[in-house]
């Protein structure tokens, strides 16, 4: 059982920029049960040399619910594709919901 989560997502081009949706599952470090699902929605664009990018983001969150299934208490998570988020559009106010990234070139 793992308590780590990798990000999974998709992106597509919109005009000269891009939009992405990234999902992450957060786990309880003690039990290993899922606690919540996070979706990060980002809009960003590369500079002309493609060495850096900047954009904005919003975060949605769904909470998993401890549920008795037979003799076991397990965490049941909602389907983020068909369920309204428990908390929608979490984000610091502008300009704090922005990000920048710079390419690191290895020798």
N, C-alpha and C. Protein backbone atom coordinates (compact mmCIF):
# COMPACT_ATOMS: atom_id res chain seq x y z
N UNK A 1 0.85 -1.17 0.00
CA UNK A 1 0.00 0.00 0.00
C UNK A 1 0.90 1.24 0.00
N UNK A 2 0.52 2.22 -0.74
CA UNK A 2 1.29 3.47 -0.80
C UNK A 2 0.49 4.62 -0.22
N UNK A 3 1.19 5.57 0.38
CA UNK A 3 0.53 6.80 0.82
C UNK A 3 0.95 7.96 -0.06
N UNK A 4 1.76 7.66 -1.07
CA UNK A 4 2.20 8.69 -2.01
C UNK A 4 1.22 8.72 -3.19
N UNK A 5 1.22 9.82 -3.89
CA UNK A 5 0.35 9.93 -5.05
C UNK A 5 1.12 10.61 -6.17
N UNK A 6 0.93 10.10 -7.36
CA UNK A 6 1.48 10.79 -8.51
C UNK A 6 0.36 11.58 -9.16
N UNK A 7 0.75 12.59 -9.92
CA UNK A 7 -0.25 13.40 -10.61
C UNK A 7 -0.56 12.75 -11.95
N UNK A 8 -1.83 12.82 -12.33
CA UNK A 8 -2.27 12.32 -13.63
C UNK A 8 -3.12 13.41 -14.26
N UNK A 9 -2.89 13.68 -15.54
CA UNK A 9 -3.66 14.76 -16.13
C UNK A 9 -3.60 14.77 -17.64
N UNK A 10 -4.25 15.78 -18.17
CA UNK A 10 -4.29 16.00 -19.61
C UNK A 10 -4.08 17.49 -19.88
N UNK A 11 -3.67 17.80 -21.09
CA UNK A 11 -3.53 19.21 -21.49
C UNK A 11 -3.95 19.32 -22.95
N UNK A 12 -4.29 20.53 -23.34
CA UNK A 12 -4.58 20.78 -24.75
C UNK A 12 -4.24 22.23 -25.07
N UNK A 13 -3.96 22.46 -26.33
CA UNK A 13 -3.58 23.80 -26.78
C UNK A 13 -4.83 24.65 -27.00
N UNK A 14 -4.75 25.90 -26.54
CA UNK A 14 -5.83 26.87 -26.72
C UNK A 14 -5.18 28.14 -27.27
N UNK A 15 -5.37 28.40 -28.54
CA UNK A 15 -4.70 29.55 -29.16
C UNK A 15 -3.19 29.38 -29.07
N UNK A 16 -2.49 30.37 -28.50
CA UNK A 16 -1.04 30.29 -28.34
C UNK A 16 -0.65 29.73 -26.97
N UNK A 17 -1.64 29.36 -26.14
CA UNK A 17 -1.38 28.84 -24.80
C UNK A 17 -1.90 27.43 -24.63
N UNK A 18 -1.96 27.01 -23.39
CA UNK A 18 -2.39 25.65 -23.05
C UNK A 18 -3.28 25.68 -21.83
N UNK A 19 -4.14 24.66 -21.70
CA UNK A 19 -4.91 24.42 -20.50
C UNK A 19 -4.63 22.99 -20.07
N UNK A 20 -4.58 22.78 -18.75
CA UNK A 20 -4.31 21.45 -18.21
C UNK A 20 -5.25 21.16 -17.06
N UNK A 21 -5.57 19.88 -16.88
CA UNK A 21 -6.30 19.40 -15.71
C UNK A 21 -5.49 18.26 -15.13
N UNK A 22 -5.14 18.38 -13.85
CA UNK A 22 -4.28 17.41 -13.18
C UNK A 22 -5.01 16.89 -11.94
N UNK A 23 -5.01 15.58 -11.75
CA UNK A 23 -5.65 14.97 -10.58
C UNK A 23 -4.59 14.38 -9.66
N UNK A 24 -4.87 14.48 -8.35
CA UNK A 24 -3.99 13.92 -7.32
C UNK A 24 -4.88 13.35 -6.22
N UNK A 25 -4.54 12.15 -5.73
CA UNK A 25 -5.25 11.57 -4.58
C UNK A 25 -4.36 11.77 -3.36
N UNK A 26 -4.95 12.31 -2.28
CA UNK A 26 -4.23 12.49 -1.02
C UNK A 26 -4.60 11.33 -0.09
N UNK A 27 -3.58 10.75 0.58
CA UNK A 27 -3.78 9.60 1.45
C UNK A 27 -3.47 9.95 2.89
N UNK A 28 -4.13 9.27 3.83
CA UNK A 28 -3.82 9.37 5.24
C UNK A 28 -2.49 8.66 5.48
N UNK A 29 -1.54 9.33 6.10
CA UNK A 29 -0.20 8.74 6.27
C UNK A 29 -0.21 7.57 7.24
N UNK A 30 -1.18 7.51 8.14
CA UNK A 30 -1.23 6.41 9.10
C UNK A 30 -1.90 5.18 8.55
N UNK A 31 -3.09 5.34 7.98
CA UNK A 31 -3.87 4.18 7.52
C UNK A 31 -3.63 3.85 6.05
N UNK A 32 -3.17 4.82 5.29
CA UNK A 32 -3.00 4.61 3.86
C UNK A 32 -4.29 4.75 3.07
N UNK A 33 -5.39 5.06 3.75
CA UNK A 33 -6.68 5.23 3.07
C UNK A 33 -6.72 6.57 2.35
N UNK A 34 -7.39 6.65 1.20
CA UNK A 34 -7.53 7.93 0.52
C UNK A 34 -8.37 8.89 1.35
N UNK A 35 -7.96 10.16 1.36
CA UNK A 35 -8.64 11.20 2.13
C UNK A 35 -9.40 12.14 1.22
N UNK A 36 -8.78 12.52 0.11
CA UNK A 36 -9.44 13.43 -0.82
C UNK A 36 -8.83 13.33 -2.20
N UNK A 37 -9.55 13.89 -3.16
CA UNK A 37 -9.09 14.00 -4.54
C UNK A 37 -8.97 15.48 -4.85
N UNK A 38 -7.85 15.86 -5.43
CA UNK A 38 -7.58 17.25 -5.80
C UNK A 38 -7.52 17.34 -7.32
N UNK A 39 -8.15 18.38 -7.89
CA UNK A 39 -8.00 18.65 -9.33
C UNK A 39 -7.42 20.06 -9.46
N UNK A 40 -6.33 20.16 -10.18
CA UNK A 40 -5.70 21.45 -10.46
C UNK A 40 -5.98 21.78 -11.92
N UNK A 41 -6.59 22.94 -12.15
CA UNK A 41 -6.85 23.41 -13.52
C UNK A 41 -5.93 24.60 -13.77
N UNK A 42 -5.10 24.50 -14.78
CA UNK A 42 -4.12 25.54 -15.06
C UNK A 42 -4.24 26.04 -16.49
N UNK A 43 -3.97 27.33 -16.67
CA UNK A 43 -3.84 27.95 -17.99
C UNK A 43 -2.45 28.54 -18.05
N UNK A 44 -1.71 28.27 -19.12
CA UNK A 44 -0.33 28.75 -19.18
C UNK A 44 0.13 28.92 -20.62
N UNK A 45 1.24 29.62 -20.78
CA UNK A 45 1.83 29.85 -22.10
C UNK A 45 3.34 29.83 -21.97
N UNK A 46 4.02 29.34 -23.01
CA UNK A 46 5.48 29.34 -23.06
C UNK A 46 5.98 30.66 -23.61
N UNK A 47 7.19 31.06 -23.18
CA UNK A 47 7.82 32.22 -23.80
C UNK A 47 8.26 31.83 -25.21
N UNK A 48 8.63 32.79 -26.06
CA UNK A 48 8.99 32.45 -27.45
C UNK A 48 10.12 31.42 -27.57
N UNK A 49 11.07 31.41 -26.65
CA UNK A 49 12.16 30.43 -26.73
C UNK A 49 11.84 29.11 -26.08
N UNK A 50 10.66 28.98 -25.49
CA UNK A 50 10.20 27.78 -24.79
C UNK A 50 11.10 27.38 -23.63
N UNK A 51 11.79 28.35 -23.03
CA UNK A 51 12.63 28.07 -21.87
C UNK A 51 11.92 28.37 -20.55
N UNK A 52 10.77 29.02 -20.61
CA UNK A 52 10.00 29.27 -19.40
C UNK A 52 8.53 29.36 -19.75
N UNK A 53 7.71 29.23 -18.72
CA UNK A 53 6.27 29.32 -18.89
C UNK A 53 5.69 29.99 -17.66
N UNK A 54 4.53 30.58 -17.81
CA UNK A 54 3.83 31.16 -16.66
C UNK A 54 2.34 30.99 -16.88
N UNK A 55 1.59 31.02 -15.77
CA UNK A 55 0.16 30.85 -15.89
C UNK A 55 -0.55 31.04 -14.57
N UNK A 56 -1.82 30.64 -14.55
CA UNK A 56 -2.65 30.73 -13.36
C UNK A 56 -3.28 29.37 -13.10
N UNK A 57 -3.79 29.17 -11.87
CA UNK A 57 -4.38 27.88 -11.53
C UNK A 57 -5.57 28.05 -10.59
N UNK A 58 -6.44 27.05 -10.58
CA UNK A 58 -7.54 26.91 -9.64
C UNK A 58 -7.53 25.47 -9.15
N UNK A 59 -8.01 25.23 -7.93
CA UNK A 59 -8.00 23.89 -7.35
C UNK A 59 -9.41 23.54 -6.88
N UNK A 60 -9.84 22.30 -7.17
CA UNK A 60 -11.10 21.76 -6.67
C UNK A 60 -10.76 20.58 -5.77
N UNK A 61 -11.63 20.31 -4.76
CA UNK A 61 -11.35 19.21 -3.84
C UNK A 61 -12.62 18.44 -3.52
N UNK A 62 -12.49 17.09 -3.56
CA UNK A 62 -13.56 16.18 -3.17
C UNK A 62 -13.05 15.39 -1.96
N UNK A 63 -13.91 15.19 -0.95
CA UNK A 63 -13.52 14.44 0.24
C UNK A 63 -14.02 13.01 0.16
N UNK A 64 -13.16 12.08 0.55
CA UNK A 64 -13.53 10.68 0.63
C UNK A 64 -14.20 10.44 1.99
N UNK A 65 -15.14 9.49 2.03
CA UNK A 65 -15.94 9.27 3.24
C UNK A 65 -15.67 7.86 3.77
N UNK A 66 -15.31 7.75 5.07
CA UNK A 66 -15.17 6.42 5.66
C UNK A 66 -16.53 5.70 5.62
N UNK A 67 -16.55 4.48 5.08
CA UNK A 67 -17.79 3.74 4.88
C UNK A 67 -17.59 2.30 5.33
N UNK A 68 -18.56 1.77 6.06
CA UNK A 68 -18.52 0.38 6.49
C UNK A 68 -18.96 -0.50 5.34
N UNK A 69 -18.09 -1.37 4.87
CA UNK A 69 -18.43 -2.33 3.82
C UNK A 69 -18.11 -3.71 4.39
N UNK A 70 -19.17 -4.42 4.75
CA UNK A 70 -18.99 -5.70 5.44
C UNK A 70 -18.29 -5.45 6.76
N UNK A 71 -17.26 -6.21 7.07
CA UNK A 71 -16.55 -6.02 8.34
C UNK A 71 -15.51 -4.89 8.28
N UNK A 72 -15.29 -4.32 7.11
CA UNK A 72 -14.22 -3.35 6.92
C UNK A 72 -14.73 -1.92 6.85
N UNK A 73 -13.97 -1.01 7.44
CA UNK A 73 -14.21 0.42 7.29
C UNK A 73 -13.22 0.92 6.24
N UNK A 74 -13.74 1.34 5.10
CA UNK A 74 -12.89 1.78 4.00
C UNK A 74 -13.30 3.18 3.57
N UNK A 75 -12.38 3.86 2.90
CA UNK A 75 -12.65 5.20 2.38
C UNK A 75 -13.26 5.08 1.00
N UNK A 76 -14.40 5.73 0.79
CA UNK A 76 -15.05 5.73 -0.51
C UNK A 76 -14.96 7.16 -1.05
N UNK A 77 -14.40 7.29 -2.25
CA UNK A 77 -14.20 8.60 -2.86
C UNK A 77 -15.22 8.83 -3.97
N UNK A 78 -15.71 10.07 -4.09
CA UNK A 78 -16.65 10.37 -5.17
C UNK A 78 -15.95 10.39 -6.53
N UNK A 79 -16.71 10.22 -7.58
CA UNK A 79 -16.17 10.31 -8.93
C UNK A 79 -16.10 11.79 -9.32
N UNK A 80 -14.90 12.36 -9.49
CA UNK A 80 -14.80 13.78 -9.82
C UNK A 80 -15.34 14.13 -11.20
N UNK A 81 -15.56 13.12 -12.04
CA UNK A 81 -16.12 13.40 -13.37
C UNK A 81 -17.63 13.60 -13.34
N UNK A 82 -18.29 13.15 -12.27
CA UNK A 82 -19.74 13.26 -12.22
C UNK A 82 -20.28 13.86 -10.92
N UNK A 83 -19.39 14.29 -10.03
CA UNK A 83 -19.80 14.84 -8.74
C UNK A 83 -19.28 16.26 -8.59
N UNK A 84 -20.11 17.16 -8.10
CA UNK A 84 -19.69 18.53 -7.84
C UNK A 84 -18.65 18.52 -6.72
N UNK A 85 -17.57 19.32 -6.84
CA UNK A 85 -16.56 19.34 -5.79
C UNK A 85 -17.13 19.79 -4.45
N UNK A 86 -16.58 19.24 -3.36
CA UNK A 86 -16.96 19.71 -2.02
C UNK A 86 -16.48 21.15 -1.82
N UNK A 87 -15.30 21.44 -2.34
CA UNK A 87 -14.77 22.81 -2.33
C UNK A 87 -14.32 23.11 -3.75
N UNK A 88 -14.88 24.16 -4.34
CA UNK A 88 -14.57 24.49 -5.74
C UNK A 88 -13.75 25.76 -5.82
N UNK A 89 -12.90 25.82 -6.81
CA UNK A 89 -12.13 27.02 -7.15
C UNK A 89 -11.32 27.56 -5.98
N UNK A 90 -10.63 26.66 -5.26
CA UNK A 90 -9.73 27.08 -4.20
C UNK A 90 -8.54 27.76 -4.86
N UNK A 91 -8.26 28.95 -4.46
CA UNK A 91 -7.11 29.64 -5.03
C UNK A 91 -6.86 30.91 -4.25
N UNK A 92 -5.61 31.24 -4.04
CA UNK A 92 -5.34 32.56 -3.48
C UNK A 92 -5.81 33.62 -4.48
N UNK A 93 -6.12 34.80 -4.00
CA UNK A 93 -6.53 35.86 -4.94
C UNK A 93 -5.38 36.24 -5.87
N UNK A 94 -5.73 36.76 -7.05
CA UNK A 94 -4.70 37.25 -7.96
C UNK A 94 -3.90 38.33 -7.26
N UNK A 95 -2.64 38.46 -7.41
CA UNK A 95 -1.75 37.74 -8.31
C UNK A 95 -1.11 36.51 -7.69
N UNK A 96 -1.61 36.05 -6.53
CA UNK A 96 -0.95 34.95 -5.82
C UNK A 96 -1.30 33.58 -6.37
N UNK A 97 -2.22 33.49 -7.32
CA UNK A 97 -2.56 32.20 -7.92
C UNK A 97 -1.83 32.00 -9.24
N UNK A 98 -0.67 32.63 -9.36
CA UNK A 98 0.12 32.49 -10.59
C UNK A 98 1.33 31.61 -10.33
N UNK A 99 1.92 31.12 -11.41
CA UNK A 99 3.15 30.34 -11.29
C UNK A 99 4.05 30.63 -12.48
N UNK A 100 5.33 30.37 -12.30
CA UNK A 100 6.30 30.43 -13.39
C UNK A 100 7.18 29.18 -13.29
N UNK A 101 7.66 28.73 -14.42
CA UNK A 101 8.56 27.59 -14.47
C UNK A 101 9.66 27.91 -15.46
N UNK A 102 10.87 27.45 -15.16
CA UNK A 102 12.01 27.67 -16.04
C UNK A 102 12.65 26.33 -16.35
N UNK A 103 12.97 26.13 -17.62
CA UNK A 103 13.63 24.89 -18.06
C UNK A 103 15.04 24.84 -17.48
N UNK A 104 15.41 23.68 -16.98
CA UNK A 104 16.77 23.45 -16.51
C UNK A 104 17.44 22.55 -17.54
N UNK A 105 18.51 23.05 -18.13
CA UNK A 105 19.22 22.26 -19.14
C UNK A 105 20.41 21.55 -18.49
N UNK A 106 20.50 20.25 -18.69
CA UNK A 106 21.59 19.47 -18.15
C UNK A 106 22.70 19.34 -19.18
N UNK A 107 23.93 19.32 -18.73
CA UNK A 107 25.06 19.20 -19.69
C UNK A 107 25.05 17.88 -20.42
